[in-house]
Structures are given as structure tokens and as C-alpha cells.
Amino acid sequence: MKRNTKIAIAAPLLLLVAAVGFIWPKHDTGPAPSAASKNMPMQEKVARGAYLAKAGDCMACHTTRGGAAFAGGRALQTPFGNVMSPNITADKETGIGNWSADDFWNALHNGKARDGRLLYPAFPYTNYTAMTRDDSDAMYAYFQTITPVKLASQPHTLRFPYNQQALLAVWRALYFKPAVYTPDAGKSAEWNRGAYLVQGPGHCIACHSERNALGASDKGLSGGLIPVLGWYAPSLTSDREAGLGDWEVKDITDLLKTGVSQRATVFGPMAEVVRESLQHLNDEDARAMAVYLKSLPNESGNREPYERSKEPEAAAWLAAGEKIYGKQCVDCHGEKGEGIAPHYPPLAGNRALTMDEAVNPIRIVLNGGFAPGTAGNPRPYGMPPFSHSLNDVEVAQVVSYLRAAWGNNAPPVESTTVNRYRNVPLE
């Protein structure tokens, strides 16, 4: 090969290496552990870490159904392929038993593994980076007490080019910067505690946010469809959806701690979050989250009232839905959709029914609605599934009726939309 040809080939490669080196994430040491953390009795630190692991719902991703706690192996489905959750037990060969507190902090804060690999943001380090070093060290202490399980972590099955570390470095350069939460001096200690829990360990934005084509969230809590799960996580900043500005703090706290309140009941993926994570918060932290969520600005803007069709076919569609409601739903939810809160949620004025996305009521009619069993609500009422007794047209008709009755005003649902979600797995 001629010398000029070698130079022509080598030059672009050198430029590529230089570009990757320029954008490769730099290590951010963050704050050092506090003296209080260093001097904390180990038993107290482990208990603190266990509490934070519950707050972060770590088990949800790092435990397979029927598998050993935190032994990993769960396939986290994404639009780009599957990310396999790793073993984070104290096993020294296949888990994190040989990790140091610095290694653990580096994973949470910088999104890097012990060997320097960049971690995929299916692990929500984009939120955990807000956590303090003291909390990270407490979680590390707790995970070092988890019974070791010898189970090698499985490789990810991501499609090309999403499986390339260089592309992940570009993604991080665009969408991620390590930063511990900075308290707002103009807010109360309670508000700041709530903001820290929502933005950091709770990683609420992971679901309640739109994501772009590369999977990056919009950094808000403006709601988003969870495509793989087939549920919509409503906006927490819009009073048209799940905005909490006009709620009482107690009702928000009740919903977080028990899954039910006088204003709403949680179903679907949020029921699991309450059952496995939020119900274990102490009362002060649950209230702090409620105070913060209630304070979020209403960013909904104004929506033009839906102009309902006057055509006979449209009226017949709703009439059919009303007939189904009278046969299947009225005993629990009432003739006027008044319900009996908190056990039978009211349907009149229920914002979960009138959001632009109708997927949640469709899923609940098809698969049933089951509030979580919690210490504060140990015997929750549930709604039976109707997928076996109602076809796609009938489900569309009754959901359309719910979105149009008792002052509700949202567009009708088509049977093709129902069919799209009929066979979507529950998790």
C-alpha cells in the first residue's frame, strides 16, 4: 500500500479517535463524604441504605420474578433492544462484593462501571446523580450485606449502533452532566427534601416524561407514554392530567403511601411503585414529596374544548357505550359516575379519563384495575377485567362514553386503538 493511501485512511481514523477522546465523559469526583457519614455506626448506615434502596425501588429492576433478591437478570426492554440488569449482591465474582464505596458512587453519580464502561441510562444514573455522597455510601453499605448470589450478569442485546460505547459517549455529551442536588435557598427544608426525593432516588422523571428519538427525557414531569409497558404516565405539571396544584397535601400523601386517596387511585405500573417503594417511606418524606409535587407550576396551557360530532353515528356510538356502562359498571361507579371514594373511584370529572392519551382507561377496562396492597390499605378493592367479555368495539364504545359523560369532554376512542393494547403484556 502506498504511503499516501495509508495517510488517507489513517487521517479520518485519527480524527475519529480524537473526537471520541474529546467527548468521552470526564470523571467527576463530587463532594467527599461528610464527617457525620464517616462516623455513623455501621448498623445505622446499613439501615439508612436499606431505606434508600426502597425509596429508589432498586429491587424492581435488579430482581427477576421468583429470583434471588438483587441478583439481576431482568431484561429491561427499550426501543433499542434489551438492557440486562446486573447482579448487585455482595458476591465477589459476579456481583459487587469487590466494589469499593468509590466504585459504587461512580456508578450512581457518573454512570460508570468499576471497569470504566459507560452504563446505559436504563439504569437511571441521570437521576441518581442528584444523590449525595453520604446517601450513596449508605446504599453501598447496605448492598454489601445482601446475601451473595453467584450469577453472572447477562450481556445486553442492543441493536447496532446503540451497543457502541462511542455512541453512548455522544449521547452523554448531549444529555447528561453529573450534578448533586443543590437546595433552593428560597424554599423550605421540607420542599427541598421532597424535591431531592422526586428528582434523585425516586427518579419520577424516568416515567413521567416524554423521551426523544434517542431516549433522552425532556427533564420535566410533563408526562409520557411508556411504549414497552403500554401505559401513559400522566403529567405532574398539568392540571389537565395529574397536576396536583388543587389537591390537599394529605390526599397526595395518602396516594403515595397507600395507593388510594379521596381524589384518585393508582393502577398499572404506579401500583407496583407504591407497593414496592413509596409505601415504605416515612411519613415525613412522603409529605415532603407531596409538598414539592403540589408546588409544581401548571404548564398545561389552555386546551380548546372538544367539539363533539352531531352525526347520528357518533351519537349511536356513545349510546352503545352508555348501555354497556349500565350493564357492567353502574353498580360500583354509580348512575352519575359519582363512585364511592376511595374504593370505587369517581368517573365524573376524572382527569385520568379525559387526557389526550386514552391508553390507561383502555388498559383498565381490558385488564382490570388493581390498587396495590399496602400497610395503609391492606385489602384494596379491585376492578375485574373485561377483555374476555367485551370485544374491541365494545371497549372503545364504553371508554368513549366515559370520556363524554357527566361533564367529561374528550374525543372518542377507536376500536383499532383498543386492539393495539389488547395483547400488550401487563409488565
Protein backbone atom coordinates (compact mmCIF):
# COMPACT_ATOMS: atom_id res chain seq x y z
CA MET A 1 0.00 0.00 0.00
CA LYS A 2 1.35 3.38 -0.96
CA ARG A 3 2.30 5.84 1.74
CA ASN A 4 -0.27 8.45 0.59
CA THR A 5 -3.04 5.85 0.70
CA LYS A 6 -2.11 4.89 4.27
CA ILE A 7 -2.21 8.55 5.29
CA ALA A 8 -5.60 8.99 3.61
CA ILE A 9 -7.01 6.06 5.62
CA ALA A 10 -5.29 6.90 8.90
CA ALA A 11 -6.25 10.58 8.98
CA PRO A 12 -10.05 10.07 9.39
CA LEU A 13 -9.42 7.35 11.98
CA LEU A 14 -7.19 9.67 13.99
CA LEU A 15 -9.81 12.39 13.78
CA LEU A 16 -12.46 9.94 14.99
CA VAL A 17 -10.30 8.82 17.91
CA ALA A 18 -9.58 12.44 18.78
CA ALA A 19 -13.29 13.34 18.62
CA VAL A 20 -14.27 10.41 20.86
CA GLY A 21 -11.49 11.32 23.26
CA PHE A 22 -12.75 14.90 23.38
CA ILE A 23 -16.33 13.96 24.24
CA TRP A 24 -15.50 10.96 26.46
CA PRO A 25 -17.05 11.66 29.87
CA LYS A 26 -14.68 13.15 32.40
CA HIS A 27 -14.66 11.80 35.95
CA ASP A 28 -16.50 13.99 38.43
CA THR A 29 -15.42 13.24 41.99
CA GLY A 30 -18.31 15.17 43.52
CA PRO A 31 -18.42 16.04 47.20
CA ALA A 32 -16.49 13.99 49.74
CA PRO A 33 -18.38 12.00 52.39
CA SER A 34 -19.26 14.11 55.40
CA ALA A 35 -17.71 13.57 58.81
CA ALA A 36 -21.14 12.51 60.08
CA SER A 37 -21.31 9.79 57.45
CA LYS A 38 -17.81 8.55 58.16
CA ASN A 39 -18.55 8.34 61.88
CA MET A 40 -22.03 6.84 61.57
CA PRO A 41 -22.33 3.42 63.25
CA MET A 42 -22.38 0.71 60.59
CA GLN A 43 -25.72 -0.69 61.71
CA GLU A 44 -27.30 2.74 61.36
CA LYS A 45 -25.66 3.29 57.97
CA VAL A 46 -26.90 -0.06 56.65
CA ALA A 47 -30.44 0.73 57.83
CA ARG A 48 -30.23 4.07 56.08
CA GLY A 49 -29.07 2.39 52.89
CA ALA A 50 -31.89 -0.16 53.04
CA TYR A 51 -34.39 2.68 53.32
CA LEU A 52 -32.89 4.47 50.32
CA ALA A 53 -32.87 1.24 48.28
CA LYS A 54 -36.62 1.03 48.92
CA ALA A 55 -37.07 4.70 48.02
CA GLY A 56 -35.22 4.06 44.76
CA ASP A 57 -37.13 0.81 44.10
CA CYS A 58 -33.85 -0.92 43.22
CA MET A 59 -35.39 -4.38 43.52
CA ALA A 60 -37.84 -3.68 40.68
CA CYS A 61 -35.10 -3.85 38.07
CA HIS A 62 -32.46 -5.97 39.78
CA THR A 63 -34.69 -8.93 40.67
CA THR A 64 -36.39 -11.34 38.30
CA ARG A 65 -39.76 -12.81 39.17
CA GLY A 66 -39.09 -15.72 41.52
CA GLY A 67 -35.35 -14.97 41.53
CA ALA A 68 -32.98 -14.09 44.34
CA ALA A 69 -33.18 -10.50 45.55
CA PHE A 70 -30.87 -8.14 43.66
CA ALA A 71 -29.26 -10.95 41.64
CA GLY A 72 -30.14 -9.23 38.36
CA GLY A 73 -31.04 -10.92 35.12
CA ARG A 74 -34.18 -8.95 34.34
CA ALA A 75 -34.48 -7.80 30.73
CA LEU A 76 -35.32 -4.11 30.68
CA GLN A 77 -37.00 -3.62 27.33
CA THR A 78 -36.23 -0.42 25.45
CA PRO A 79 -36.93 0.73 21.88
CA PHE A 80 -33.25 -0.02 21.16
CA GLY A 81 -33.15 -3.59 22.48
CA ASN A 82 -32.88 -5.15 25.92
CA VAL A 83 -30.68 -3.93 28.75
CA MET A 84 -30.00 -6.74 31.22
CA SER A 85 -29.92 -5.71 34.87
CA PRO A 86 -26.72 -6.80 36.63
CA ASN A 87 -26.16 -8.77 39.81
CA ILE A 88 -25.70 -6.29 42.69
CA THR A 89 -25.49 -8.77 45.54
CA ALA A 90 -22.29 -8.97 47.60
CA ASP A 91 -20.87 -11.84 45.54
CA LYS A 92 -17.21 -11.05 44.85
CA GLU A 93 -17.07 -12.69 41.42
CA THR A 94 -20.39 -11.92 39.76
CA GLY A 95 -21.83 -9.17 41.95
CA ILE A 96 -20.41 -6.03 43.54
CA GLY A 97 -18.70 -7.66 46.53
CA ASN A 98 -15.32 -6.41 45.31
CA TRP A 99 -16.53 -2.88 44.65
CA SER A 100 -15.43 -0.02 46.85
CA ALA A 101 -17.64 2.80 48.07
CA ASP A 102 -15.93 4.95 45.40
CA ASP A 103 -16.88 2.43 42.71
CA PHE A 104 -20.50 2.47 43.83
CA TRP A 105 -20.55 6.27 43.92
CA ASN A 106 -19.04 6.39 40.44
CA ALA A 107 -21.90 4.25 39.13
CA LEU A 108 -24.63 6.37 40.72
CA HIS A 109 -23.03 9.75 40.15
CA ASN A 110 -21.09 9.34 36.91
CA GLY A 111 -22.86 6.39 35.30
CA LYS A 112 -19.68 4.34 35.01
CA ALA A 113 -18.99 0.73 35.94
CA ARG A 114 -15.99 -0.33 38.03
CA ASP A 115 -14.07 -1.28 34.88
CA GLY A 116 -14.72 2.14 33.29
CA ARG A 117 -17.50 1.10 30.94
CA LEU A 118 -20.21 3.68 30.36
CA LEU A 119 -23.54 2.49 31.76
CA TYR A 120 -26.74 2.69 29.75
CA PRO A 121 -29.34 5.15 31.08
CA ALA A 122 -31.89 2.36 31.55
CA PHE A 123 -30.06 2.46 34.89
CA PRO A 124 -31.31 5.91 35.93
CA TYR A 125 -27.98 7.45 36.90
CA THR A 126 -29.26 10.55 35.13
CA ASN A 127 -31.43 10.92 38.25
CA TYR A 128 -29.27 9.19 40.84
CA THR A 129 -26.51 11.68 40.11
CA ALA A 130 -28.54 14.12 42.21
CA MET A 131 -28.00 11.97 45.29
CA THR A 132 -25.50 12.95 47.96
CA ARG A 133 -22.28 11.06 48.59
CA ASP A 134 -23.49 10.24 52.11
CA ASP A 135 -26.62 8.55 50.73
CA SER A 136 -24.56 6.68 48.16
CA ASP A 137 -22.24 5.38 50.87
CA ALA A 138 -25.22 4.27 52.94
CA MET A 139 -26.64 2.33 50.00
CA TYR A 140 -23.21 0.79 49.35
CA ALA A 141 -23.03 -0.35 52.98
CA TYR A 142 -26.47 -1.95 52.65
CA PHE A 143 -25.74 -3.79 49.41
CA GLN A 144 -22.57 -5.22 50.91
CA THR A 145 -24.83 -7.01 53.41
CA ILE A 146 -27.00 -8.65 50.73
CA THR A 147 -26.53 -12.41 50.62
CA PRO A 148 -24.06 -13.19 47.81
CA VAL A 149 -25.58 -14.91 44.80
CA LYS A 150 -23.24 -16.38 42.22
CA LEU A 151 -24.97 -15.42 39.00
CA ALA A 152 -23.08 -13.88 36.12
CA SER A 153 -24.68 -10.79 34.63
CA GLN A 154 -26.07 -11.40 31.16
CA PRO A 155 -24.93 -9.32 28.16
CA HIS A 156 -27.21 -6.64 26.77
CA THR A 157 -28.97 -7.36 23.49
CA LEU A 158 -28.99 -3.89 21.97
CA ARG A 159 -29.12 -3.32 18.23
CA PHE A 160 -26.25 -1.72 16.34
CA PRO A 161 -25.24 1.09 16.66
CA TYR A 162 -26.86 1.51 20.10
CA ASN A 163 -24.50 -1.10 21.51
CA GLN A 164 -21.44 1.04 20.82
CA GLN A 165 -19.75 2.83 23.72
CA ALA A 166 -18.64 5.66 21.41
CA LEU A 167 -22.27 6.43 20.55
CA LEU A 168 -23.16 6.30 24.24
CA ALA A 169 -20.41 8.85 24.89
CA VAL A 170 -22.02 11.14 22.32
CA TRP A 171 -25.41 10.66 23.99
CA ARG A 172 -23.97 11.58 27.35
CA ALA A 173 -22.26 14.65 25.94
CA LEU A 174 -25.65 15.81 24.71
CA TYR A 175 -27.90 14.83 27.60
CA PHE A 176 -26.03 14.13 30.83
CA LYS A 177 -23.93 16.08 33.28
CA PRO A 178 -23.17 14.78 36.78
CA ALA A 179 -24.59 17.11 39.46
CA VAL A 180 -25.62 16.58 43.07
CA TYR A 181 -28.90 18.24 44.02
CA THR A 182 -28.45 21.84 45.11
CA PRO A 183 -31.06 23.02 47.64
CA ASP A 184 -33.13 26.06 46.75
CA ALA A 185 -32.42 28.63 49.46
CA GLY A 186 -35.76 30.30 48.78
CA LYS A 187 -37.73 27.17 49.67
CA SER A 188 -38.40 25.37 52.93
CA ALA A 189 -36.39 22.40 54.15
CA GLU A 190 -39.46 20.22 53.61
CA TRP A 191 -39.85 21.38 49.99
CA ASN A 192 -36.16 20.74 49.30
CA ARG A 193 -36.36 17.28 50.82
CA GLY A 194 -39.29 16.48 48.57
CA ALA A 195 -37.51 17.84 45.51
CA TYR A 196 -34.46 15.73 46.33
CA LEU A 197 -36.52 12.55 46.66
CA VAL A 198 -38.51 13.17 43.48
CA GLN A 199 -35.53 14.21 41.36
CA GLY A 200 -32.97 11.81 42.84
CA PRO A 201 -33.75 8.42 44.41
CA GLY A 202 -37.40 8.41 43.32
CA HIS A 203 -36.39 9.11 39.68
CA CYS A 204 -40.00 10.04 38.90
CA ILE A 205 -38.92 11.65 35.65
CA ALA A 206 -37.97 8.22 34.28
CA CYS A 207 -41.66 7.56 33.60
CA HIS A 208 -43.42 10.93 33.86
CA SER A 209 -41.53 12.48 30.95
CA GLU A 210 -41.53 12.44 27.18
CA ARG A 211 -38.44 10.96 25.57
CA ASN A 212 -36.91 11.91 22.26
CA ALA A 213 -35.81 9.58 19.47
CA LEU A 214 -32.57 8.80 21.34
CA GLY A 215 -34.31 8.01 24.60
CA ALA A 216 -33.42 11.22 26.45
CA SER A 217 -36.08 12.71 28.71
CA ASP A 218 -37.18 16.30 28.47
CA LYS A 219 -36.10 16.89 32.11
CA GLY A 220 -39.63 17.81 33.11
CA LEU A 221 -42.53 15.92 34.65
CA SER A 222 -44.84 16.71 31.76
CA GLY A 223 -45.98 13.12 31.18
CA GLY A 224 -45.02 10.48 28.68
CA LEU A 225 -46.08 7.21 27.09
CA ILE A 226 -44.13 4.20 28.34
CA PRO A 227 -44.10 2.39 24.99
CA VAL A 228 -42.87 -1.02 26.09
CA LEU A 229 -45.27 -1.23 29.03
CA GLY A 230 -48.16 0.30 27.12
CA TRP A 231 -49.16 2.79 29.82
CA TYR A 232 -49.17 6.56 29.95
CA ALA A 233 -47.50 8.24 32.92
CA PRO A 234 -49.52 11.46 33.24
CA SER A 235 -48.10 14.93 33.51
CA LEU A 236 -47.45 16.07 37.08
CA THR A 237 -47.30 19.69 35.93
CA SER A 238 -50.63 19.88 34.13
CA ASP A 239 -53.95 20.23 35.89
CA ARG A 240 -55.48 18.72 32.75
CA GLU A 241 -53.76 15.46 33.68
CA ALA A 242 -52.29 14.58 37.09
CA GLY A 243 -51.25 18.05 38.17
CA LEU A 244 -51.70 18.30 41.92
CA GLY A 245 -51.97 22.06 42.38
CA ASP A 246 -55.57 21.93 43.61
CA TRP A 247 -55.11 18.82 45.78
CA GLU A 248 -54.77 18.82 49.55
CA VAL A 249 -51.31 17.74 50.72
CA LYS A 250 -52.94 14.94 52.73
CA ASP A 251 -54.58 13.47 49.63
CA ILE A 252 -51.27 13.42 47.77
CA THR A 253 -49.52 11.86 50.75
CA ASP A 254 -52.24 9.22 51.07
CA LEU A 255 -51.92 8.34 47.40
CA LEU A 256 -48.14 7.93 47.66
CA LYS A 257 -48.27 5.89 50.87
CA THR A 258 -51.35 3.73 50.33
CA GLY A 259 -52.23 3.87 46.63
CA VAL A 260 -55.66 5.37 47.29
CA SER A 261 -57.00 8.74 48.36
CA GLN A 262 -60.21 10.73 48.18
CA ARG A 263 -59.05 12.11 44.83
CA ALA A 264 -57.63 9.14 42.95
CA THR A 265 -56.41 5.54 42.96
CA VAL A 266 -53.21 4.25 41.36
CA PHE A 267 -53.23 1.37 38.88
CA GLY A 268 -50.81 -0.25 36.49
CA PRO A 269 -47.05 0.35 36.89
CA MET A 270 -47.65 3.05 39.51
CA ALA A 271 -49.36 0.48 41.74
CA GLU A 272 -46.14 -1.52 41.77
CA VAL A 273 -44.13 1.62 42.61
CA VAL A 274 -46.38 2.33 45.59
CA ARG A 275 -46.37 -1.27 46.78
CA GLU A 276 -42.64 -1.90 46.46
CA SER A 277 -41.27 1.58 47.14
CA LEU A 278 -43.33 4.55 48.21
CA GLN A 279 -45.33 2.89 50.97
CA HIS A 280 -42.06 2.28 52.80
CA LEU A 281 -41.24 5.98 53.05
CA ASN A 282 -41.61 7.51 56.47
CA ASP A 283 -44.48 9.96 56.90
CA GLU A 284 -42.18 12.98 56.82
CA ASP A 285 -40.62 12.03 53.48
CA ALA A 286 -43.96 11.14 51.90
CA ARG A 287 -45.34 14.51 52.96
CA ALA A 288 -42.22 16.29 51.68
CA MET A 289 -42.72 14.72 48.25
CA ALA A 290 -46.37 15.77 48.35
CA VAL A 291 -45.45 19.36 49.23
CA TYR A 292 -42.97 19.51 46.34
CA LEU A 293 -45.32 17.89 43.80
CA LYS A 294 -48.17 20.21 44.77
CA SER A 295 -45.91 23.22 44.19
CA LEU A 296 -45.02 22.32 40.60
CA PRO A 297 -46.17 25.02 38.18
CA ASN A 298 -49.13 24.33 35.93
CA GLU A 299 -47.59 24.17 32.47
CA SER A 300 -50.64 22.82 30.68
CA GLY A 301 -51.72 25.90 28.83
CA ASN A 302 -55.25 26.17 27.53
CA ARG A 303 -56.90 23.45 25.50
CA GLU A 304 -59.76 24.20 23.16
CA PRO A 305 -62.97 22.40 24.19
CA TYR A 306 -63.58 19.30 22.14
CA GLU A 307 -66.29 19.86 19.55
CA ARG A 308 -68.34 16.66 19.58
CA SER A 309 -69.79 15.43 16.31
CA LYS A 310 -73.53 15.84 15.87
CA GLU A 311 -73.70 12.99 13.34
CA PRO A 312 -76.12 10.14 14.14
CA GLU A 313 -73.29 7.60 14.02
CA ALA A 314 -71.38 9.47 16.74
CA ALA A 315 -74.47 9.63 18.97
CA ALA A 316 -75.16 5.93 18.40
CA TRP A 317 -71.56 5.09 19.36
CA LEU A 318 -71.95 6.85 22.73
CA ALA A 319 -75.41 5.37 23.27
CA ALA A 320 -73.94 1.90 22.83
CA GLY A 321 -71.24 2.76 25.37
CA GLU A 322 -73.86 4.03 27.83
CA LYS A 323 -75.74 0.74 27.53
CA ILE A 324 -72.57 -1.23 28.29
CA TYR A 325 -71.86 1.04 31.25
CA GLY A 326 -75.36 0.42 32.63
CA LYS A 327 -74.85 -3.32 32.40
CA GLN A 328 -71.25 -3.65 33.58
CA CYS A 329 -70.19 -0.58 35.56
CA VAL A 330 -73.06 1.27 37.19
CA ASP A 331 -73.25 -0.86 40.36
CA CYS A 332 -69.82 0.32 41.51
CA HIS A 333 -69.38 3.70 39.80
CA GLY A 334 -72.94 4.99 40.07
CA GLU A 335 -75.51 6.31 37.64
CA LYS A 336 -73.83 9.71 37.54
CA GLY A 337 -70.27 8.43 37.70
CA GLU A 338 -70.02 9.56 41.32
CA GLY A 339 -68.34 6.38 42.58
CA ILE A 340 -67.65 5.75 46.25
CA ALA A 341 -64.19 7.13 47.01
CA PRO A 342 -61.65 5.84 47.70
CA HIS A 343 -62.70 2.27 46.92
CA TYR A 344 -64.70 2.91 43.72
CA PRO A 345 -63.09 5.92 42.02
CA PRO A 346 -65.45 8.65 40.76
CA LEU A 347 -65.56 8.84 36.97
CA ALA A 348 -67.26 12.22 36.66
CA GLY A 349 -64.55 14.83 36.38
CA ASN A 350 -61.86 12.15 36.46
CA ARG A 351 -58.86 13.57 34.60
CA ALA A 352 -57.46 10.08 34.02
CA LEU A 353 -60.34 9.61 31.56
CA THR A 354 -60.00 12.88 29.66
CA MET A 355 -56.28 13.04 28.90
CA ASP A 356 -55.24 13.18 25.26
CA GLU A 357 -53.86 9.65 25.66
CA ALA A 358 -56.69 7.19 26.34
CA VAL A 359 -54.44 4.18 26.83
CA ASN A 360 -54.86 3.93 30.61
CA PRO A 361 -58.66 3.61 30.72
CA ILE A 362 -58.44 1.21 27.79
CA ARG A 363 -55.93 -0.97 29.68
CA ILE A 364 -58.01 -0.87 32.87
CA VAL A 365 -61.21 -1.94 31.09
CA LEU A 366 -59.33 -4.72 29.30
CA ASN A 367 -57.13 -5.97 32.14
CA GLY A 368 -58.86 -4.72 35.26
CA GLY A 369 -57.74 -2.13 37.77
CA PHE A 370 -55.98 -3.24 40.91
CA ALA A 371 -54.79 -0.86 43.57
CA PRO A 372 -51.73 -2.04 45.49
CA GLY A 373 -51.98 -3.87 48.78
CA THR A 374 -50.23 -1.63 51.30
CA ALA A 375 -49.94 -1.29 55.05
CA GLY A 376 -52.38 1.61 54.87
CA ASN A 377 -54.77 -0.24 52.55
CA PRO A 378 -54.19 -3.95 53.13
CA ARG A 379 -57.37 -5.16 51.41
CA PRO A 380 -57.76 -3.00 48.32
CA TYR A 381 -60.80 -3.15 46.11
CA GLY A 382 -60.18 -4.16 42.52
CA MET A 383 -61.95 -3.86 39.21
CA PRO A 384 -62.36 -7.10 37.19
CA PRO A 385 -61.04 -7.37 33.63
CA PHE A 386 -63.47 -7.27 30.72
CA SER A 387 -61.19 -8.40 27.89
CA HIS A 388 -62.89 -11.80 27.88
CA SER A 389 -66.43 -10.42 27.69
CA LEU A 390 -66.12 -7.22 25.63
CA ASN A 391 -64.72 -7.08 22.11
CA ASP A 392 -62.61 -4.21 20.76
CA VAL A 393 -65.63 -2.25 19.52
CA GLU A 394 -67.45 -2.57 22.84
CA VAL A 395 -64.42 -1.48 24.85
CA ALA A 396 -63.99 1.51 22.55
CA GLN A 397 -67.66 2.41 22.95
CA VAL A 398 -67.71 2.29 26.75
CA VAL A 399 -64.42 4.20 27.08
CA SER A 400 -65.73 6.78 24.61
CA TYR A 401 -68.85 7.13 26.76
CA LEU A 402 -66.77 7.61 29.93
CA ARG A 403 -64.83 10.36 28.15
CA ALA A 404 -68.09 12.12 27.20
CA ALA A 405 -70.45 11.68 30.17
CA TRP A 406 -71.07 13.74 33.33
CA GLY A 407 -69.21 16.81 32.10
CA ASN A 408 -66.20 14.89 30.78
CA ASN A 409 -65.22 16.09 27.34
CA ALA A 410 -62.60 14.21 25.37
CA PRO A 411 -62.51 12.63 21.90
CA PRO A 412 -63.96 9.15 21.32
CA VAL A 413 -61.79 6.05 21.12
CA GLU A 414 -61.49 3.83 18.07
CA SER A 415 -61.57 0.04 18.15
CA THR A 416 -58.20 -0.13 16.39
CA THR A 417 -56.65 1.69 19.34
CA VAL A 418 -58.15 -0.87 21.73
CA ASN A 419 -56.82 -3.72 19.62
CA ARG A 420 -53.31 -2.23 19.80
CA TYR A 421 -53.28 -2.70 23.56
CA ARG A 422 -55.32 -5.87 23.95
CA ASN A 423 -52.32 -8.18 23.94
CA VAL A 424 -49.71 -5.87 25.45
CA PRO A 425 -48.16 -7.63 28.48
CA LEU A 426 -49.15 -6.29 31.89
CA GLU A 427 -45.48 -5.56 32.73
